[in-house]
C-alpha atoms as a PDB file:
ATOM      1  CA  MET A   1     -13.828  -2.857  -9.601  1.00  0.00           C
ATOM      2  CA  HIS A   2     -12.478  -2.709 -13.131  1.00  0.00           C
ATOM      3  CA  LYS A   3      -8.681  -2.634 -13.431  1.00  0.00           C
ATOM      4  CA  ASP A   4      -8.692   0.769 -15.169  1.00  0.00           C
ATOM      5  CA  ASP A   5     -10.678   2.186 -12.241  1.00  0.00           C
ATOM      6  CA  ILE A   6      -8.197   0.624  -9.814  1.00  0.00           C
ATOM      7  CA  ALA A   7      -5.299   2.195 -11.735  1.00  0.00           C
ATOM      8  CA  ASP A   8      -7.031   5.583 -11.574  1.00  0.00           C
ATOM      9  CA  LEU A   9      -7.537   5.147  -7.820  1.00  0.00           C
ATOM     10  CA  ILE A  10      -3.852   4.272  -7.372  1.00  0.00           C
ATOM     11  CA  GLU A  11      -2.974   7.539  -9.096  1.00  0.00           C
ATOM     12  CA  ALA A  12      -5.449   9.653  -7.141  1.00  0.00           C
ATOM     13  CA  LYS A  13      -4.483   8.333  -3.701  1.00  0.00           C
ATOM     14  CA  HIS A  14      -0.730   8.583  -4.307  1.00  0.00           C
ATOM     15  CA  VAL A  15      -0.930  12.055  -5.846  1.00  0.00           C
ATOM     16  CA  GLU A  16      -2.871  13.255  -2.794  1.00  0.00           C
ATOM     17  CA  LEU A  17      -0.344  11.703  -0.387  1.00  0.00           C
ATOM     18  CA  ILE A  18       2.756  12.970  -2.206  1.00  0.00           C
ATOM     19  CA  ALA A  19       1.334  16.484  -2.595  1.00  0.00           C
ATOM     20  CA  TRP A  20       0.518  16.576   1.114  1.00  0.00           C
ATOM     21  CA  LEU A  21       3.993  15.336   2.093  1.00  0.00           C
ATOM     22  CA  GLU A  22       5.752  17.815  -0.182  1.00  0.00           C
ATOM     23  CA  HIS A  23       4.038  20.738   1.530  1.00  0.00           C
ATOM     24  CA  GLN A  24       4.861  19.757   5.103  1.00  0.00           C
ATOM     25  CA  THR A  25       7.514  21.315   7.268  1.00  0.00           C
ATOM     26  CA  ALA A  26      10.903  19.713   7.742  1.00  0.00           C
ATOM     27  CA  GLU A  27      10.018  19.096  11.402  1.00  0.00           C
ATOM     28  CA  SER A  28       7.023  16.908  10.522  1.00  0.00           C
ATOM     29  CA  TRP A  29       9.312  14.656   8.465  1.00  0.00           C
ATOM     30  CA  THR A  30      11.553  13.919  11.463  1.00  0.00           C
ATOM     31  CA  GLN A  31       9.351  14.654  14.487  1.00  0.00           C
ATOM     32  CA  GLY A  32       5.896  13.275  15.066  1.00  0.00           C
ATOM     33  CA  PRO A  33       3.232  13.361  17.745  1.00  0.00           C
ATOM     34  CA  ALA A  34       3.984  11.376  20.910  1.00  0.00           C
ATOM     35  CA  ASN A  35       4.025   7.643  20.220  1.00  0.00           C
ATOM     36  CA  LYS A  36       3.135   8.168  16.560  1.00  0.00           C
ATOM     37  CA  TRP A  37       5.168   7.809  13.401  1.00  0.00           C
ATOM     38  CA  THR A  38       6.666  10.865  11.768  1.00  0.00           C
ATOM     39  CA  ALA A  39       5.615  11.830   8.248  1.00  0.00           C
ATOM     40  CA  GLY A  40       8.902  10.330   7.066  1.00  0.00           C
ATOM     41  CA  GLN A  41       8.175   7.010   8.747  1.00  0.00           C
ATOM     42  CA  GLN A  42       4.673   6.941   7.244  1.00  0.00           C
ATOM     43  CA  ALA A  43       6.105   7.539   3.754  1.00  0.00           C
ATOM     44  CA  LEU A  44       8.804   4.917   4.244  1.00  0.00           C
ATOM     45  CA  HIS A  45       6.225   2.403   5.485  1.00  0.00           C
ATOM     46  CA  LEU A  46       4.098   2.938   2.378  1.00  0.00           C
ATOM     47  CA  LEU A  47       7.156   2.503   0.182  1.00  0.00           C
ATOM     48  CA  GLN A  48       8.011  -0.718   2.040  1.00  0.00           C
ATOM     49  CA  SER A  49       4.540  -2.057   1.292  1.00  0.00           C
ATOM     50  CA  ILE A  50       4.335  -1.228  -2.428  1.00  0.00           C
ATOM     51  CA  VAL A  51       7.818  -2.443  -3.475  1.00  0.00           C
ATOM     52  CA  PRO A  52       7.198  -6.141  -2.618  1.00  0.00           C
ATOM     53  CA  LEU A  53       3.861  -6.022  -4.442  1.00  0.00           C
ATOM     54  CA  ASN A  54       5.497  -4.646  -7.580  1.00  0.00           C
ATOM     55  CA  ASN A  55       8.242  -7.261  -7.276  1.00  0.00           C
ATOM     56  CA  ALA A  56       5.675 -10.051  -6.980  1.00  0.00           C
ATOM     57  CA  LEU A  57       3.738  -8.758  -9.978  1.00  0.00           C
ATOM     58  CA  SER A  58       6.967  -8.872 -12.011  1.00  0.00           C
ATOM     59  CA  MET A  59       7.307 -12.604 -11.406  1.00  0.00           C
ATOM     60  CA  PRO A  60       6.001 -15.118 -13.949  1.00  0.00           C
ATOM     61  CA  LYS A  61       2.381 -15.836 -13.136  1.00  0.00           C
ATOM     62  CA  PHE A  62       2.924 -19.604 -13.033  1.00  0.00           C
ATOM     63  CA  LEU A  63       5.441 -19.060 -10.190  1.00  0.00           C
ATOM     64  CA  LEU A  64       2.919 -17.045  -8.217  1.00  0.00           C
ATOM     65  CA  ARG A  65       0.335 -19.786  -8.712  1.00  0.00           C
ATOM     66  CA  PHE A  66       2.865 -22.457  -7.670  1.00  0.00           C
ATOM     67  CA  LYS A  67       4.112 -20.534  -4.631  1.00  0.00           C
ATOM     68  CA  PHE A  68       0.858 -19.088  -3.259  1.00  0.00           C
ATOM     69  CA  GLY A  69      -1.955 -21.028  -4.915  1.00  0.00           C
ATOM     70  CA  ARG A  70      -5.257 -19.942  -6.382  1.00  0.00           C
ATOM     71  CA  ALA A  71      -8.184 -17.986  -5.036  1.00  0.00           C
ATOM     72  CA  ASN A  72     -10.885 -20.111  -3.481  1.00  0.00           C
ATOM     73  CA  ARG A  73     -13.495 -17.332  -3.573  1.00  0.00           C
ATOM     74  CA  PRO A  74     -14.520 -14.400  -5.763  1.00  0.00           C
ATOM     75  CA  SER A  75     -12.776 -11.058  -5.245  1.00  0.00           C
ATOM     76  CA  LYS A  76     -14.420  -8.675  -2.794  1.00  0.00           C
ATOM     77  CA  THR A  77     -15.701  -5.258  -3.738  1.00  0.00           C
ATOM     78  CA  TYR A  78     -13.626  -2.232  -2.783  1.00  0.00           C
ATOM     79  CA  ASP A  79     -16.093  -1.242  -0.051  1.00  0.00           C
ATOM     80  CA  ASP A  80     -16.137  -4.772   1.425  1.00  0.00           C
ATOM     81  CA  LEU A  81     -12.343  -4.841   1.357  1.00  0.00           C
ATOM     82  CA  VAL A  82     -12.052  -1.477   3.148  1.00  0.00           C
ATOM     83  CA  LYS A  83     -14.547  -2.644   5.762  1.00  0.00           C
ATOM     84  CA  ARG A  84     -12.617  -5.877   6.345  1.00  0.00           C
ATOM     85  CA  TYR A  85      -9.301  -3.981   6.568  1.00  0.00           C
ATOM     86  CA  HIS A  86     -10.666  -1.684   9.269  1.00  0.00           C
ATOM     87  CA  GLU A  87     -12.077  -4.680  11.157  1.00  0.00           C
ATOM     88  CA  ARG A  88      -8.670  -6.395  11.064  1.00  0.00           C
ATOM     89  CA  LEU A  89      -6.952  -3.206  12.267  1.00  0.00           C
ATOM     90  CA  LEU A  90      -9.310  -3.070  15.235  1.00  0.00           C
ATOM     91  CA  GLU A  91      -8.687  -6.746  16.009  1.00  0.00           C
ATOM     92  CA  LYS A  92      -4.920  -6.152  16.048  1.00  0.00           C
ATOM     93  CA  LYS A  93      -5.294  -3.036  18.246  1.00  0.00           C
ATOM     94  CA  GLY A  94      -2.623  -0.999  16.503  1.00  0.00           C
ATOM     95  CA  GLU A  95      -0.070  -3.797  16.238  1.00  0.00           C
ATOM     96  CA  THR A  96       2.487  -3.034  13.554  1.00  0.00           C
ATOM     97  CA  PHE A  97       3.690  -5.504  10.930  1.00  0.00           C
ATOM     98  CA  LYS A  98       7.081  -6.835  11.996  1.00  0.00           C
ATOM     99  CA  GLY A  99       8.869  -5.288   9.002  1.00  0.00           C
ATOM    100  CA  SER A 100       7.782  -1.823  10.136  1.00  0.00           C
ATOM    101  CA  ARG A 101       8.280  -2.201  13.890  1.00  0.00           C
ATOM    102  CA  ASN A 102      10.975  -0.004  15.423  1.00  0.00           C
ATOM    103  CA  MET A 103      11.325   1.819  12.130  1.00  0.00           C
ATOM    104  CA  LYS A 104      14.129   4.325  12.041  1.00  0.00           C
ATOM    105  CA  ILE A 105      13.200   7.907  11.253  1.00  0.00           C
ATOM    106  CA  PRO A 106      14.426   8.682   7.737  1.00  0.00           C
ATOM    107  CA  PRO A 107      16.581  11.823   7.664  1.00  0.00           C
ATOM    108  CA  LEU A 108      15.283  14.915   5.942  1.00  0.00           C
ATOM    109  CA  SER A 109      17.985  14.417   3.310  1.00  0.00           C
ATOM    110  CA  ASP A 110      16.124  11.235   2.212  1.00  0.00           C
ATOM    111  CA  LYS A 111      12.747  12.943   1.823  1.00  0.00           C
ATOM    112  CA  GLN A 112      12.986  13.679  -1.892  1.00  0.00           C
ATOM    113  CA  TYR A 113      14.408  10.225  -2.605  1.00  0.00           C
ATOM    114  CA  ILE A 114      11.548   8.502  -0.745  1.00  0.00           C
ATOM    115  CA  LEU A 115       8.913  10.676  -2.437  1.00  0.00           C
ATOM    116  CA  ASN A 116      10.471  10.011  -5.856  1.00  0.00           C
ATOM    117  CA  ARG A 117      10.498   6.270  -5.152  1.00  0.00           C
ATOM    118  CA  LEU A 118       6.855   6.364  -4.054  1.00  0.00           C
ATOM    119  CA  GLN A 119       6.033   8.161  -7.301  1.00  0.00           C
ATOM    120  CA  THR A 120       7.955   5.617  -9.375  1.00  0.00           C
ATOM    121  CA  GLU A 121       6.511   2.610  -7.570  1.00  0.00           C
ATOM    122  CA  HIS A 122       2.921   3.779  -7.824  1.00  0.00           C
ATOM    123  CA  LYS A 123       3.374   4.387 -11.561  1.00  0.00           C
ATOM    124  CA  LYS A 124       4.753   0.837 -11.893  1.00  0.00           C
ATOM    125  CA  LEU A 125       1.754  -0.521 -10.007  1.00  0.00           C
ATOM    126  CA  GLN A 126      -0.631   1.359 -12.297  1.00  0.00           C
ATOM    127  CA  TYR A 127       1.096  -0.034 -15.355  1.00  0.00           C
ATOM    128  CA  LYS A 128       1.116  -3.589 -14.003  1.00  0.00           C
ATOM    129  CA  THR A 129      -2.530  -3.336 -12.975  1.00  0.00           C
ATOM    130  CA  LYS A 130      -3.571  -2.359 -16.487  1.00  0.00           C
ATOM    131  CA  ARG A 131      -1.423  -5.076 -18.095  1.00  0.00           C
ATOM    132  CA  ILE A 132      -2.413  -8.106 -16.009  1.00  0.00           C
ATOM    133  CA  SER A 133      -5.357 -10.122 -17.256  1.00  0.00           C
ATOM    134  CA  ASP A 134      -8.659 -10.022 -15.410  1.00  0.00           C
ATOM    135  CA  ARG A 135      -8.406 -13.779 -15.033  1.00  0.00           C
ATOM    136  CA  ASN A 136      -5.065 -13.515 -13.207  1.00  0.00           C
ATOM    137  CA  LEU A 137      -6.285 -10.582 -11.102  1.00  0.00           C
ATOM    138  CA  ASP A 138      -9.029 -12.797  -9.679  1.00  0.00           C
ATOM    139  CA  LEU A 139      -7.358 -16.222  -9.835  1.00  0.00           C
ATOM    140  CA  LEU A 140      -3.893 -15.642  -8.384  1.00  0.00           C
ATOM    141  CA  VAL A 141      -3.340 -14.821  -4.722  1.00  0.00           C
ATOM    142  CA  LEU A 142      -0.603 -13.112  -2.748  1.00  0.00           C
ATOM    143  CA  PRO A 143      -0.030 -13.214   1.014  1.00  0.00           C
ATOM    144  CA  HIS A 144      -0.715 -10.170   3.164  1.00  0.00           C
ATOM    145  CA  PRO A 145       0.588  -9.980   6.754  1.00  0.00           C
ATOM    146  CA  LEU A 146      -2.705  -8.679   8.181  1.00  0.00           C
ATOM    147  CA  MET A 147      -5.346  -9.872   5.738  1.00  0.00           C
ATOM    148  CA  GLY A 148      -4.033 -13.320   4.790  1.00  0.00           C
ATOM    149  CA  LYS A 149      -3.988 -14.568   1.196  1.00  0.00           C
ATOM    150  CA  MET A 150      -5.810 -12.234  -1.147  1.00  0.00           C
ATOM    151  CA  PRO A 151      -6.568 -12.273  -4.870  1.00  0.00           C
ATOM    152  CA  ILE A 152      -4.258  -9.872  -6.703  1.00  0.00           C
ATOM    153  CA  ARG A 153      -7.185  -7.579  -7.542  1.00  0.00           C
ATOM    154  CA  GLU A 154      -7.896  -7.215  -3.826  1.00  0.00           C
ATOM    155  CA  ILE A 155      -4.306  -6.644  -2.765  1.00  0.00           C
ATOM    156  CA  ILE A 156      -3.952  -3.882  -5.356  1.00  0.00           C
ATOM    157  CA  MET A 157      -7.203  -2.299  -4.170  1.00  0.00           C
ATOM    158  CA  TRP A 158      -5.972  -2.690  -0.588  1.00  0.00           C
ATOM    159  CA  THR A 159      -2.840  -0.719  -1.528  1.00  0.00           C
ATOM    160  CA  THR A 160      -5.015   2.282  -2.431  1.00  0.00           C
ATOM    161  CA  CYS A 161      -6.949   1.893   0.811  1.00  0.00           C
ATOM    162  CA  HIS A 162      -3.652   1.654   2.748  1.00  0.00           C
ATOM    163  CA  VAL A 163      -2.340   4.870   1.198  1.00  0.00           C
ATOM    164  CA  ASP A 164      -5.624   6.608   1.989  1.00  0.00           C
ATOM    165  CA  HIS A 165      -5.523   5.293   5.575  1.00  0.00           C
ATOM    166  CA  HIS A 166      -2.038   6.732   6.173  1.00  0.00           C
ATOM    167  CA  THR A 167      -2.863  10.008   4.402  1.00  0.00           C
ATOM    168  CA  GLU A 168      -5.828  10.469   6.763  1.00  0.00           C
ATOM    169  CA  ILE A 169      -3.602   9.681   9.774  1.00  0.00           C
ATOM    170  CA  LEU A 170      -1.093  12.287   8.609  1.00  0.00           C
ATOM    171  CA  LYS A 171      -3.775  14.918   8.049  1.00  0.00           C
ATOM    172  CA  ARG A 172      -5.323  14.199  11.451  1.00  0.00           C
ATOM    173  CA  ASN A 173      -2.035  14.284  13.385  1.00  0.00           C
ATOM    174  CA  TYR A 174      -0.290  17.220  11.706  1.00  0.00           C
END
């Protein structure tokens, strides 16, 4: 997928999520279905996943190459990546990444802050996606807790898939 198309997908998926969250009741932010995250926890989780990616993409590329290495395969297509993500989720049987386990429920007073941060961070990711070279998108890798090391192009595409995944969970459960 071309980086401009990825940037457009980042925008579309985040706009859909944020619009949905803004129109939910206060109760859905702090109270969720039994044994499921609240809307607030879902939003916080997505924020916790995009911030480290933006931070990594702000690092000098030679440091990323030194720290994590180079891709040893071509980047997957978006559809192949989504398929692999869903396979890995099934393998893990709903296990949550350790950074998001036992997540506190963000208070309603934090809702606007979290939504604003999500908006800011997705705009940063769009900008960084458009600015990075195609060579670095496919050559440099970053670690992912579920998927392993992934080329940067894939991890950015995964971010859009991740947002879509949680948006669908929210729509299904609320």
